[in-house]
Amino acid sequence: MNLHNELLMRDLRARTRRHFLNGCGLGLASAWLGTQSALADDRSAKETTPYDAQSQGGMHFPAKAKRVIYLHMAGSPSQLDLFDYKPDLQKLDGMDCPESFLKGKRFAFIQGVPKMLGPQFDFEQVGESGSWVSDRLPDFKTVADQVCFIKSMTTTQFNHGPAQLMMLTGNQNLGAGSIGSWATYGLGSENENLPGFIVLVSGGRMPSAGKSVWGSGYLPSVFQGVQCRSQGDPVLFLSNTDGSSRQQRRQTLDAIEKLNRRAYEEFGDAETLTRISQYEMAFRMQTSATDAFDLSQESKHVHSSYATEPGKESFANNCLLARRLAERDVRFIQLFHWGWDSHGAAESEAINRGFSDRCREVDQPIAALLKDLEERDLLDETLVVWGGEFGRTPMRENRNGKEMKFVGRDHHPGAFTIWMAGGGVKSGLTYGETDEIGYDVAANPVTPHDLHATILKTMGIDHLRLTYNTQGANQRLSNLTKPSRIVDEILA
């Protein structure tokens, strides 16, 4: 008996009754799921329009965007104080809110009868597009003609955690895959030495929904976002320990891989293969990530244009890193900047203080990022998305029927603004509109699922055909129960 057979017999003898029953169950389930998967693949093959995916980039049709940089403003900025200018709301400033605006509505904190709250800053129309932009974003005004505003976003969630999950995973509950995970699941990455989905966080806190907003959910965990840092090692413990060499680390990983391969052969758990893949990625990242995250390679002019802060984790640093990662063909790059929850419960949350501080932190870096991408001929193939998880109310927040000490706005799922620029979208366009006070969408509503379907379209993915079978059901990023629509009107 050879060694392989001897090991096999030893494993068989070592199996307990529980292992046997578990294996039977997995075997039957795997056979059924395999049959369903084969049928789904056959259906997909018949439905797919033939084209040269190798040269045109997408899964289902030619891609306009090779990659995405998604700038999420955690806490949600006030659209009424940045982009959705409402002069009629200014006339109502300080008046009691009409009962019709409150009846049947749910708010996070508003109680009783609040006062109406007009725009807190001056607006002007800028560029050839004539887009309205607040004086809080002076640098952004110089790139406003490059972006496409969607002013008719609407969602069903008014608390941060569920709203962030809805905006970034398509489901207000935990367990669904994030948009970055879906993109890398469908398209993979063009750089085998860096993760296909990289996450950068600034602002001092994580998003309210935690790491689940870049998690893979029911998708294989190899597609989850990898959180990196803008100072020190990009990933903790990436460097070799003192006294060890790269060769020794390679030998250690080879030994661990043999053990993991054997565990996979015994138990058939696909997550074991993910662990092997992650170990190998970490080894390759030792050189590639160190290079990609080394901001000292950039010129003084570039650092000045972004307003970077050497040695700190800042939104400016992360924007520059996003450009460097885009240059290296990372598929999905997601930046989270916390601190936009402008309630007015504290000075740091007030519209005229904390909100203004957040604007200063992001204004120059965002403008620099768009200009930098364009100068390097990357913007046409990179889709940049900016926005929060919901909007803000046109009335002043109160609690227990009393006005807050500082000026703030409550959460508002009914209407908010995002913008997109670059790969696959029209520039200088404003799509959708809200009513006279910015309370409800008046034309062309866009849901998070519609946004997801549109983003996938720019990447060459048909959102209806990008599915993953879990627990006997085909899941997808866009809505399963209500048809999502691609917002073709904004696509170039």
Protein backbone atom coordinates (compact mmCIF):
# COMPACT_ATOMS: atom_id res chain seq x y z
CA MET A 1 0.00 0.00 0.00
CA ASN A 2 1.49 3.35 -1.02
CA LEU A 3 1.71 6.37 1.28
CA HIS A 4 -1.28 8.15 -0.26
CA ASN A 5 -3.57 5.18 0.20
CA GLU A 6 -2.26 4.58 3.70
CA LEU A 7 -3.04 8.19 4.65
CA LEU A 8 -6.47 7.87 3.09
CA MET A 9 -7.27 4.70 5.04
CA ARG A 10 -6.01 6.31 8.22
CA ASP A 11 -8.31 9.28 7.64
CA LEU A 12 -11.25 6.97 6.97
CA ARG A 13 -10.64 5.02 10.17
CA ALA A 14 -10.32 8.28 12.11
CA ARG A 15 -13.68 9.62 10.98
CA THR A 16 -16.38 9.61 13.63
CA ARG A 17 -20.09 8.94 13.10
CA ARG A 18 -20.66 12.70 13.20
CA HIS A 19 -18.07 13.25 10.44
CA PHE A 20 -19.76 10.55 8.38
CA LEU A 21 -23.26 11.99 8.72
CA ASN A 22 -21.98 15.51 8.13
CA GLY A 23 -20.17 14.35 5.01
CA CYS A 24 -23.28 12.63 3.69
CA GLY A 25 -25.31 15.79 4.15
CA LEU A 26 -22.69 17.92 2.50
CA GLY A 27 -22.33 15.43 -0.31
CA LEU A 28 -26.04 15.41 -1.10
CA ALA A 29 -26.28 19.19 -0.82
CA SER A 30 -23.20 19.69 -2.94
CA ALA A 31 -24.56 17.37 -5.63
CA TRP A 32 -27.86 19.25 -5.75
CA LEU A 33 -26.21 22.68 -5.72
CA GLY A 34 -23.79 21.53 -8.39
CA THR A 35 -26.71 20.51 -10.59
CA GLN A 36 -28.41 23.88 -10.05
CA SER A 37 -25.18 25.72 -10.74
CA ALA A 38 -24.63 23.79 -13.96
CA LEU A 39 -28.17 24.59 -15.09
CA ALA A 40 -27.70 28.26 -14.22
CA ASP A 41 -24.40 28.36 -16.09
CA ASP A 42 -26.07 26.74 -19.09
CA ARG A 43 -28.89 29.29 -19.02
CA SER A 44 -26.42 32.14 -18.63
CA ALA A 45 -24.34 30.89 -21.55
CA LYS A 46 -27.42 30.82 -23.78
CA GLU A 47 -28.46 34.33 -22.72
CA THR A 48 -25.06 35.99 -23.01
CA THR A 49 -24.49 38.23 -26.02
CA PRO A 50 -21.17 37.15 -27.59
CA TYR A 51 -18.34 39.66 -27.48
CA ASP A 52 -14.63 39.68 -26.81
CA ALA A 53 -14.48 39.94 -23.01
CA GLN A 54 -10.69 39.76 -23.03
CA SER A 55 -10.30 42.99 -24.96
CA GLN A 56 -13.44 44.83 -23.86
CA GLY A 57 -13.27 44.21 -20.15
CA GLY A 58 -16.79 43.38 -18.94
CA MET A 59 -18.59 40.15 -18.20
CA HIS A 60 -21.66 40.69 -20.36
CA PHE A 61 -20.92 43.68 -22.59
CA PRO A 62 -18.12 46.21 -23.18
CA ALA A 63 -17.02 48.07 -20.04
CA LYS A 64 -16.61 51.82 -19.84
CA ALA A 65 -15.11 51.72 -16.33
CA LYS A 66 -12.24 49.35 -15.52
CA ARG A 67 -12.38 50.28 -11.87
CA VAL A 68 -14.39 52.23 -9.25
CA ILE A 69 -13.33 54.68 -6.56
CA TYR A 70 -16.27 55.04 -4.16
CA LEU A 71 -16.08 57.94 -1.68
CA HIS A 72 -18.60 57.27 1.09
CA MET A 73 -19.30 60.12 3.49
CA ALA A 74 -20.35 58.17 6.58
CA GLY A 75 -23.10 59.93 8.52
CA SER A 76 -24.51 61.62 5.42
CA PRO A 77 -23.86 65.23 4.39
CA SER A 78 -26.69 67.71 3.99
CA GLN A 79 -27.55 67.98 0.31
CA LEU A 80 -29.42 71.19 1.11
CA ASP A 81 -26.19 72.86 2.23
CA LEU A 82 -23.97 71.55 -0.57
CA PHE A 83 -25.67 70.91 -3.92
CA ASP A 84 -29.50 71.05 -3.81
CA TYR A 85 -30.08 74.79 -3.61
CA LYS A 86 -33.59 75.77 -2.52
CA PRO A 87 -34.26 79.55 -2.38
CA ASP A 88 -37.90 78.90 -1.42
CA LEU A 89 -36.67 77.07 1.67
CA GLN A 90 -34.71 80.17 2.65
CA LYS A 91 -37.97 82.14 2.73
CA LEU A 92 -39.44 79.62 5.19
CA ASP A 93 -36.44 79.69 7.53
CA GLY A 94 -37.52 79.91 11.18
CA MET A 95 -41.22 79.23 10.53
CA ASP A 96 -43.05 76.32 12.15
CA CYS A 97 -43.00 73.24 9.96
CA PRO A 98 -46.46 72.58 8.42
CA GLU A 99 -48.23 69.56 9.90
CA SER A 100 -48.60 68.04 6.43
CA PHE A 101 -44.83 67.57 6.28
CA LEU A 102 -44.84 65.61 9.53
CA LYS A 103 -47.98 63.49 9.37
CA GLY A 104 -47.25 59.83 8.73
CA LYS A 105 -43.47 60.44 8.56
CA ARG A 106 -40.84 58.70 10.66
CA PHE A 107 -37.80 60.58 11.93
CA ALA A 108 -34.77 59.57 13.91
CA PHE A 109 -35.08 62.40 16.45
CA ILE A 110 -37.58 65.08 15.43
CA GLN A 111 -40.48 65.38 17.87
CA GLY A 112 -43.27 67.91 18.11
CA VAL A 113 -43.26 70.81 15.64
CA PRO A 114 -39.77 71.77 14.41
CA LYS A 115 -38.75 75.02 12.71
CA MET A 116 -37.96 75.12 9.01
CA LEU A 117 -34.26 75.52 8.25
CA GLY A 118 -33.09 77.30 5.13
CA PRO A 119 -29.73 76.85 3.39
CA GLN A 120 -27.00 77.82 5.83
CA PHE A 121 -24.44 78.90 3.22
CA ASP A 122 -24.20 80.89 0.03
CA PHE A 123 -24.60 79.10 -3.31
CA GLU A 124 -23.51 79.99 -6.82
CA GLN A 125 -23.81 78.43 -10.24
CA VAL A 126 -20.43 77.38 -11.55
CA GLY A 127 -18.85 76.25 -14.80
CA GLU A 128 -20.48 75.78 -18.16
CA SER A 129 -23.01 73.38 -16.63
CA GLY A 130 -24.30 76.02 -14.23
CA SER A 131 -24.38 73.53 -11.36
CA TRP A 132 -25.28 74.94 -7.96
CA VAL A 133 -22.48 74.48 -5.42
CA SER A 134 -22.20 75.80 -1.85
CA ASP A 135 -19.37 78.06 -0.72
CA ARG A 136 -18.28 75.20 1.58
CA LEU A 137 -16.64 73.54 -1.45
CA PRO A 138 -14.56 76.19 -3.24
CA ASP A 139 -12.13 73.69 -4.82
CA PHE A 140 -14.90 71.37 -5.94
CA LYS A 141 -16.37 74.26 -7.93
CA THR A 142 -13.39 74.00 -10.28
CA VAL A 143 -14.29 70.41 -11.23
CA ALA A 144 -18.10 70.63 -11.11
CA ASP A 145 -18.29 70.35 -14.91
CA GLN A 146 -16.69 66.92 -14.71
CA VAL A 147 -19.39 65.36 -12.55
CA CYS A 148 -22.92 64.07 -13.00
CA PHE A 149 -25.24 64.97 -10.11
CA ILE A 150 -28.11 62.67 -9.16
CA LYS A 151 -30.38 64.83 -6.99
CA SER A 152 -33.24 62.35 -6.75
CA MET A 153 -31.75 59.56 -4.64
CA THR A 154 -34.18 57.98 -2.21
CA THR A 155 -33.94 55.11 0.25
CA THR A 156 -36.13 53.22 2.71
CA GLN A 157 -33.83 53.46 5.74
CA PHE A 158 -33.43 56.38 8.16
CA ASN A 159 -30.92 54.93 10.67
CA HIS A 160 -27.23 54.92 9.81
CA GLY A 161 -26.38 51.24 10.08
CA PRO A 162 -29.27 49.84 7.99
CA ALA A 163 -29.01 52.76 5.54
CA GLN A 164 -25.30 52.16 4.99
CA LEU A 165 -25.96 48.47 4.45
CA MET A 166 -28.73 49.30 1.97
CA MET A 167 -26.56 51.78 0.11
CA LEU A 168 -23.50 49.55 -0.07
CA THR A 169 -24.87 45.98 -0.05
CA GLY A 170 -28.42 46.38 -1.37
CA ASN A 171 -29.93 44.98 1.83
CA GLN A 172 -30.64 46.70 5.14
CA ASN A 173 -29.85 43.47 6.99
CA LEU A 174 -26.48 41.88 7.65
CA GLY A 175 -25.27 39.05 5.47
CA ALA A 176 -25.37 40.43 1.92
CA GLY A 177 -22.31 41.01 -0.22
CA SER A 178 -21.06 44.58 -0.69
CA ILE A 179 -20.89 46.21 -4.11
CA GLY A 180 -17.09 45.97 -4.15
CA SER A 181 -17.31 42.25 -3.40
CA TRP A 182 -19.80 41.74 -6.22
CA ALA A 183 -17.59 43.64 -8.65
CA THR A 184 -14.51 41.57 -7.82
CA TYR A 185 -16.56 38.36 -7.77
CA GLY A 186 -17.72 39.12 -11.30
CA LEU A 187 -14.56 40.60 -12.80
CA GLY A 188 -11.64 39.65 -10.57
CA SER A 189 -8.62 41.93 -10.43
CA GLU A 190 -6.05 42.83 -13.04
CA ASN A 191 -3.30 42.99 -10.39
CA GLU A 192 -2.52 39.61 -8.85
CA ASN A 193 -0.21 41.16 -6.24
CA LEU A 194 -2.82 43.41 -4.63
CA PRO A 195 -6.38 42.68 -3.43
CA GLY A 196 -9.09 43.44 -5.97
CA PHE A 197 -11.10 45.35 -3.35
CA ILE A 198 -9.25 47.75 -1.03
CA VAL A 199 -10.81 49.89 1.72
CA LEU A 200 -9.38 53.04 3.32
CA VAL A 201 -10.94 54.68 6.41
CA SER A 202 -10.51 58.19 7.83
CA GLY A 203 -12.30 60.50 10.24
CA GLY A 204 -11.43 58.68 13.44
CA ARG A 205 -14.25 56.14 13.44
CA MET A 206 -15.60 53.21 11.49
CA PRO A 207 -18.94 53.44 9.63
CA SER A 208 -21.95 52.74 11.86
CA ALA A 209 -22.55 49.37 10.16
CA GLY A 210 -18.92 48.37 10.74
CA LYS A 211 -16.88 46.25 8.38
CA SER A 212 -20.01 44.60 7.02
CA VAL A 213 -20.31 47.46 4.50
CA TRP A 214 -17.27 46.05 2.70
CA GLY A 215 -17.87 42.41 3.63
CA SER A 216 -18.54 39.60 1.18
CA GLY A 217 -21.65 38.30 2.97
CA TYR A 218 -22.74 35.03 1.40
CA LEU A 219 -20.16 35.42 -1.39
CA PRO A 220 -16.84 33.61 -0.88
CA SER A 221 -14.82 35.58 1.66
CA VAL A 222 -11.90 35.94 -0.75
CA PHE A 223 -13.95 38.77 -2.32
CA GLN A 224 -14.36 40.85 0.85
CA GLY A 225 -12.72 44.26 1.04
CA VAL A 226 -9.25 44.43 2.55
CA GLN A 227 -8.90 47.37 4.91
CA CYS A 228 -5.52 49.05 4.53
CA ARG A 229 -3.84 51.87 6.41
CA SER A 230 -2.24 55.02 5.05
CA GLN A 231 0.58 54.95 7.60
CA GLY A 232 2.91 52.14 8.64
CA ASP A 233 2.35 48.72 7.12
CA PRO A 234 -0.70 48.84 4.80
CA VAL A 235 -1.91 45.69 6.56
CA LEU A 236 -0.89 44.84 10.13
CA PHE A 237 1.92 42.27 10.45
CA LEU A 238 2.65 42.42 6.72
CA SER A 239 6.38 42.89 7.30
CA ASN A 240 8.65 40.04 8.32
CA THR A 241 9.31 39.79 12.04
CA ASP A 242 12.74 40.72 13.36
CA GLY A 243 15.27 37.98 12.66
CA SER A 244 13.25 36.28 9.91
CA SER A 245 13.81 36.44 6.16
CA ARG A 246 11.52 36.38 3.15
CA GLN A 247 12.82 32.91 2.30
CA GLN A 248 11.90 31.63 5.76
CA ARG A 249 8.43 33.11 5.41
CA ARG A 250 8.07 31.37 2.03
CA GLN A 251 9.02 28.03 3.60
CA THR A 252 6.56 28.59 6.44
CA LEU A 253 3.73 29.38 4.03
CA ASP A 254 4.54 26.28 1.95
CA ALA A 255 4.26 24.10 5.06
CA ILE A 256 0.98 25.76 6.12
CA GLU A 257 -0.42 25.35 2.61
CA LYS A 258 0.23 21.59 2.69
CA LEU A 259 -1.72 21.34 5.95
CA ASN A 260 -4.56 23.47 4.60
CA ARG A 261 -4.71 21.47 1.36
CA ARG A 262 -5.05 18.30 3.35
CA ALA A 263 -7.80 19.86 5.49
CA TYR A 264 -9.63 20.87 2.33
CA GLU A 265 -9.36 17.39 0.85
CA GLU A 266 -10.75 15.96 4.09
CA PHE A 267 -13.59 18.36 4.81
CA GLY A 268 -14.24 20.12 1.48
CA ASP A 269 -14.66 23.56 3.08
CA ALA A 270 -14.15 26.20 0.38
CA GLU A 271 -13.11 28.73 3.03
CA THR A 272 -9.91 26.71 3.45
CA LEU A 273 -9.01 27.61 -0.13
CA THR A 274 -9.77 31.25 0.71
CA ARG A 275 -7.31 31.08 3.60
CA ILE A 276 -4.63 29.67 1.30
CA SER A 277 -5.32 32.45 -1.19
CA GLN A 278 -5.14 35.13 1.49
CA TYR A 279 -1.80 33.85 2.81
CA GLU A 280 -0.38 33.91 -0.70
CA MET A 281 -1.77 37.39 -1.33
CA ALA A 282 -0.20 38.67 1.89
CA PHE A 283 3.17 37.26 0.78
CA ARG A 284 2.97 38.98 -2.61
CA MET A 285 1.76 42.20 -0.96
CA GLN A 286 4.97 42.47 1.04
CA THR A 287 6.62 44.11 -1.94
CA SER A 288 3.70 45.32 -4.07
CA ALA A 289 1.67 46.94 -1.27
CA THR A 290 4.71 48.56 0.29
CA ASP A 291 5.42 50.21 -3.04
CA ALA A 292 1.79 51.19 -3.74
CA PHE A 293 1.34 52.77 -0.29
CA ASP A 294 4.64 54.65 -0.25
CA LEU A 295 3.48 58.26 -0.58
CA SER A 296 7.06 59.51 -0.32
CA GLN A 297 7.42 58.62 -3.99
CA GLU A 298 5.11 61.50 -4.92
CA SER A 299 6.38 64.99 -5.72
CA LYS A 300 5.94 68.04 -3.50
CA HIS A 301 3.55 69.45 -6.09
CA VAL A 302 1.28 66.39 -5.84
CA HIS A 303 1.31 66.46 -2.03
CA SER A 304 0.47 70.17 -2.10
CA SER A 305 -2.42 69.67 -4.53
CA TYR A 306 -4.02 66.97 -2.34
CA ALA A 307 -3.12 68.68 0.98
CA THR A 308 -1.75 65.40 2.31
CA GLU A 309 -0.64 64.99 5.91
CA PRO A 310 2.49 62.78 6.09
CA GLY A 311 2.40 60.26 8.90
CA LYS A 312 -1.35 60.56 9.47
CA GLU A 313 -4.43 58.66 8.42
CA SER A 314 -6.36 61.36 6.59
CA PHE A 315 -8.89 61.61 3.80
CA ALA A 316 -6.35 63.54 1.73
CA ASN A 317 -3.77 60.75 2.08
CA ASN A 318 -6.41 58.20 1.16
CA CYS A 319 -7.43 60.10 -1.98
CA LEU A 320 -3.81 60.09 -3.15
CA LEU A 321 -3.55 56.40 -2.31
CA ALA A 322 -6.74 55.79 -4.30
CA ARG A 323 -5.09 57.27 -7.38
CA ARG A 324 -1.97 55.13 -6.85
CA LEU A 325 -4.14 52.01 -6.48
CA ALA A 326 -6.10 52.93 -9.60
CA GLU A 327 -2.81 53.15 -11.49
CA ARG A 328 -2.10 49.60 -10.34
CA ASP A 329 -5.43 48.29 -11.62
CA VAL A 330 -7.13 47.58 -8.29
CA ARG A 331 -10.73 46.87 -9.27
CA PHE A 332 -12.67 48.55 -6.44
CA ILE A 333 -11.28 51.21 -4.08
CA GLN A 334 -13.59 52.43 -1.32
CA LEU A 335 -12.91 55.38 0.96
CA PHE A 336 -14.96 56.00 4.11
CA HIS A 337 -14.81 59.38 5.86
CA TRP A 338 -16.72 59.55 9.12
CA GLY A 339 -18.21 62.62 10.81
CA TRP A 340 -21.09 63.89 8.64
CA ASP A 341 -23.89 63.23 11.16
CA SER A 342 -24.93 66.88 11.53
CA HIS A 343 -27.57 66.78 14.25
CA GLY A 344 -26.56 69.79 16.29
CA ALA A 345 -26.46 67.86 19.56
CA ALA A 346 -22.88 69.05 19.97
CA GLU A 347 -20.71 71.78 18.48
CA SER A 348 -18.76 69.14 16.54
CA GLU A 349 -22.03 68.14 14.82
CA ALA A 350 -23.33 71.64 14.11
CA ILE A 351 -23.88 72.67 10.50
CA ASN A 352 -21.74 75.79 10.95
CA ARG A 353 -18.90 73.96 12.77
CA GLY A 354 -18.51 70.19 12.41
CA PHE A 355 -20.13 70.09 8.98
CA SER A 356 -17.90 72.89 7.75
CA ASP A 357 -14.85 71.08 9.13
CA ARG A 358 -15.76 67.95 7.17
CA CYS A 359 -16.14 70.04 4.00
CA ARG A 360 -12.66 71.49 4.46
CA GLU A 361 -11.23 67.99 4.94
CA VAL A 362 -12.64 66.61 1.68
CA ASP A 363 -12.92 69.59 -0.68
CA GLN A 364 -9.33 70.00 -1.88
CA PRO A 365 -8.47 66.25 -1.99
CA ILE A 366 -11.57 65.40 -4.08
CA ALA A 367 -10.85 68.15 -6.59
CA ALA A 368 -7.21 67.06 -6.75
CA LEU A 369 -8.19 63.42 -7.27
CA LEU A 370 -10.44 64.21 -10.25
CA LYS A 371 -7.84 66.49 -11.82
CA ASP A 372 -5.05 63.99 -11.20
CA LEU A 373 -6.98 61.11 -12.74
CA GLU A 374 -7.77 63.22 -15.78
CA GLU A 375 -4.16 64.37 -16.24
CA ARG A 376 -2.97 60.75 -16.13
CA ASP A 377 -5.64 59.60 -18.62
CA LEU A 378 -7.28 57.47 -15.93
CA LEU A 379 -10.58 59.29 -15.42
CA ASP A 380 -12.27 57.97 -18.57
CA GLU A 381 -11.77 54.41 -17.33
CA THR A 382 -12.29 55.08 -13.61
CA LEU A 383 -15.77 55.67 -12.17
CA VAL A 384 -15.71 57.95 -9.12
CA VAL A 385 -18.81 57.92 -6.88
CA TRP A 386 -19.47 60.29 -3.95
CA GLY A 387 -22.33 60.26 -1.43
CA GLY A 388 -23.74 59.29 1.94
CA GLU A 389 -26.41 56.81 3.01
CA PHE A 390 -29.40 59.22 3.09
CA GLY A 391 -30.18 62.93 3.10
CA ARG A 392 -31.01 65.64 5.63
CA THR A 393 -34.30 67.28 6.51
CA PRO A 394 -35.34 70.80 5.42
CA MET A 395 -36.46 71.41 9.00
CA ARG A 396 -34.31 71.95 12.05
CA GLU A 397 -33.87 69.03 14.36
CA ASN A 398 -35.45 69.09 17.79
CA ARG A 399 -35.64 66.52 20.58
CA ASN A 400 -38.38 66.27 23.18
CA GLY A 401 -40.08 69.13 21.34
CA LYS A 402 -37.16 71.51 22.01
CA GLU A 403 -34.67 72.97 19.58
CA MET A 404 -31.12 71.73 19.78
CA LYS A 405 -28.44 74.05 21.15
CA PHE A 406 -26.62 73.99 17.82
CA VAL A 407 -28.04 74.10 14.29
CA GLY A 408 -28.52 70.64 12.81
CA ARG A 409 -30.68 68.55 10.49
CA ASP A 410 -32.22 65.13 11.11
CA HIS A 411 -31.84 62.02 8.95
CA HIS A 412 -33.97 62.03 5.81
CA PRO A 413 -34.39 59.00 3.52
CA GLY A 414 -36.84 60.75 1.19
CA ALA A 415 -34.35 62.70 -0.93
CA PHE A 416 -30.60 63.16 -1.20
CA THR A 417 -27.83 63.87 -3.67
CA ILE A 418 -24.87 61.87 -4.90
CA TRP A 419 -22.52 62.54 -7.78
CA MET A 420 -20.51 60.41 -10.18
CA ALA A 421 -17.64 61.24 -12.51
CA GLY A 422 -15.45 59.52 -15.05
CA GLY A 423 -15.86 56.10 -16.62
CA GLY A 424 -19.17 55.68 -18.36
CA VAL A 425 -21.17 58.67 -17.09
CA LYS A 426 -21.99 62.01 -18.67
CA SER A 427 -20.21 65.07 -17.31
CA GLY A 428 -21.86 68.40 -16.53
CA LEU A 429 -25.29 66.79 -16.10
CA THR A 430 -27.86 67.10 -13.32
CA TYR A 431 -30.35 64.25 -13.20
CA GLY A 432 -33.56 64.21 -11.17
CA GLU A 433 -34.96 66.92 -8.94
CA THR A 434 -36.65 67.47 -5.62
CA ASP A 435 -39.61 69.69 -4.68
CA GLU A 436 -39.34 73.38 -3.77
CA ILE A 437 -37.91 72.69 -0.32
CA GLY A 438 -35.92 69.53 -1.07
CA TYR A 439 -38.23 67.30 0.97
CA ASP A 440 -39.42 64.80 -1.63
CA VAL A 441 -38.24 63.63 -5.02
CA ALA A 442 -40.21 65.42 -7.73
CA ALA A 443 -38.82 63.69 -10.82
CA ASN A 444 -36.79 60.61 -11.75
CA PRO A 445 -36.33 58.83 -8.41
CA VAL A 446 -33.23 56.63 -8.08
CA THR A 447 -32.96 53.90 -5.45
CA PRO A 448 -29.76 52.29 -4.13
CA HIS A 449 -30.60 49.23 -6.25
CA ASP A 450 -30.91 51.42 -9.34
CA LEU A 451 -27.53 52.94 -8.52
CA HIS A 452 -25.97 49.49 -8.13
CA ALA A 453 -27.37 48.32 -11.44
CA THR A 454 -26.01 51.46 -13.12
CA ILE A 455 -22.53 51.15 -11.59
CA LEU A 456 -22.34 47.51 -12.68
CA LYS A 457 -23.43 48.54 -16.18
CA THR A 458 -20.47 50.92 -16.47
CA MET A 459 -18.22 47.97 -15.58
CA GLY A 460 -19.73 45.76 -18.28
CA ILE A 461 -21.91 43.69 -15.94
CA ASP A 462 -25.60 42.92 -16.39
CA HIS A 463 -26.96 43.15 -12.85
CA LEU A 464 -29.68 40.59 -13.62
CA ARG A 465 -27.15 37.96 -14.69
CA LEU A 466 -24.56 38.45 -11.97
CA THR A 467 -25.95 36.01 -9.40
CA TYR A 468 -24.69 33.74 -6.64
CA ASN A 469 -26.52 30.66 -5.45
CA THR A 470 -26.78 30.41 -1.68
CA GLN A 471 -29.12 28.15 0.29
CA GLY A 472 -30.84 27.10 -2.94
CA ALA A 473 -31.64 30.62 -4.16
CA ASN A 474 -29.90 32.86 -6.67
CA GLN A 475 -28.99 36.13 -4.99
CA ARG A 476 -27.87 39.33 -6.66
CA LEU A 477 -26.83 42.86 -5.72
CA SER A 478 -29.85 44.54 -7.29
CA ASN A 479 -33.38 44.02 -5.96
CA LEU A 480 -34.86 40.52 -6.23
CA THR A 481 -38.42 41.51 -5.35
CA LYS A 482 -38.83 44.79 -7.26
CA PRO A 483 -37.23 45.42 -10.67
CA SER A 484 -34.19 47.68 -10.53
CA ARG A 485 -33.52 49.97 -13.43
CA ILE A 486 -30.32 51.12 -15.05
CA VAL A 487 -30.28 54.91 -15.18
CA ASP A 488 -29.35 55.02 -18.84
CA GLU A 489 -29.98 58.77 -19.05
CA ILE A 490 -26.72 59.48 -17.19
CA LEU A 491 -24.56 57.03 -19.14
CA ALA A 492 -22.21 58.31 -21.82
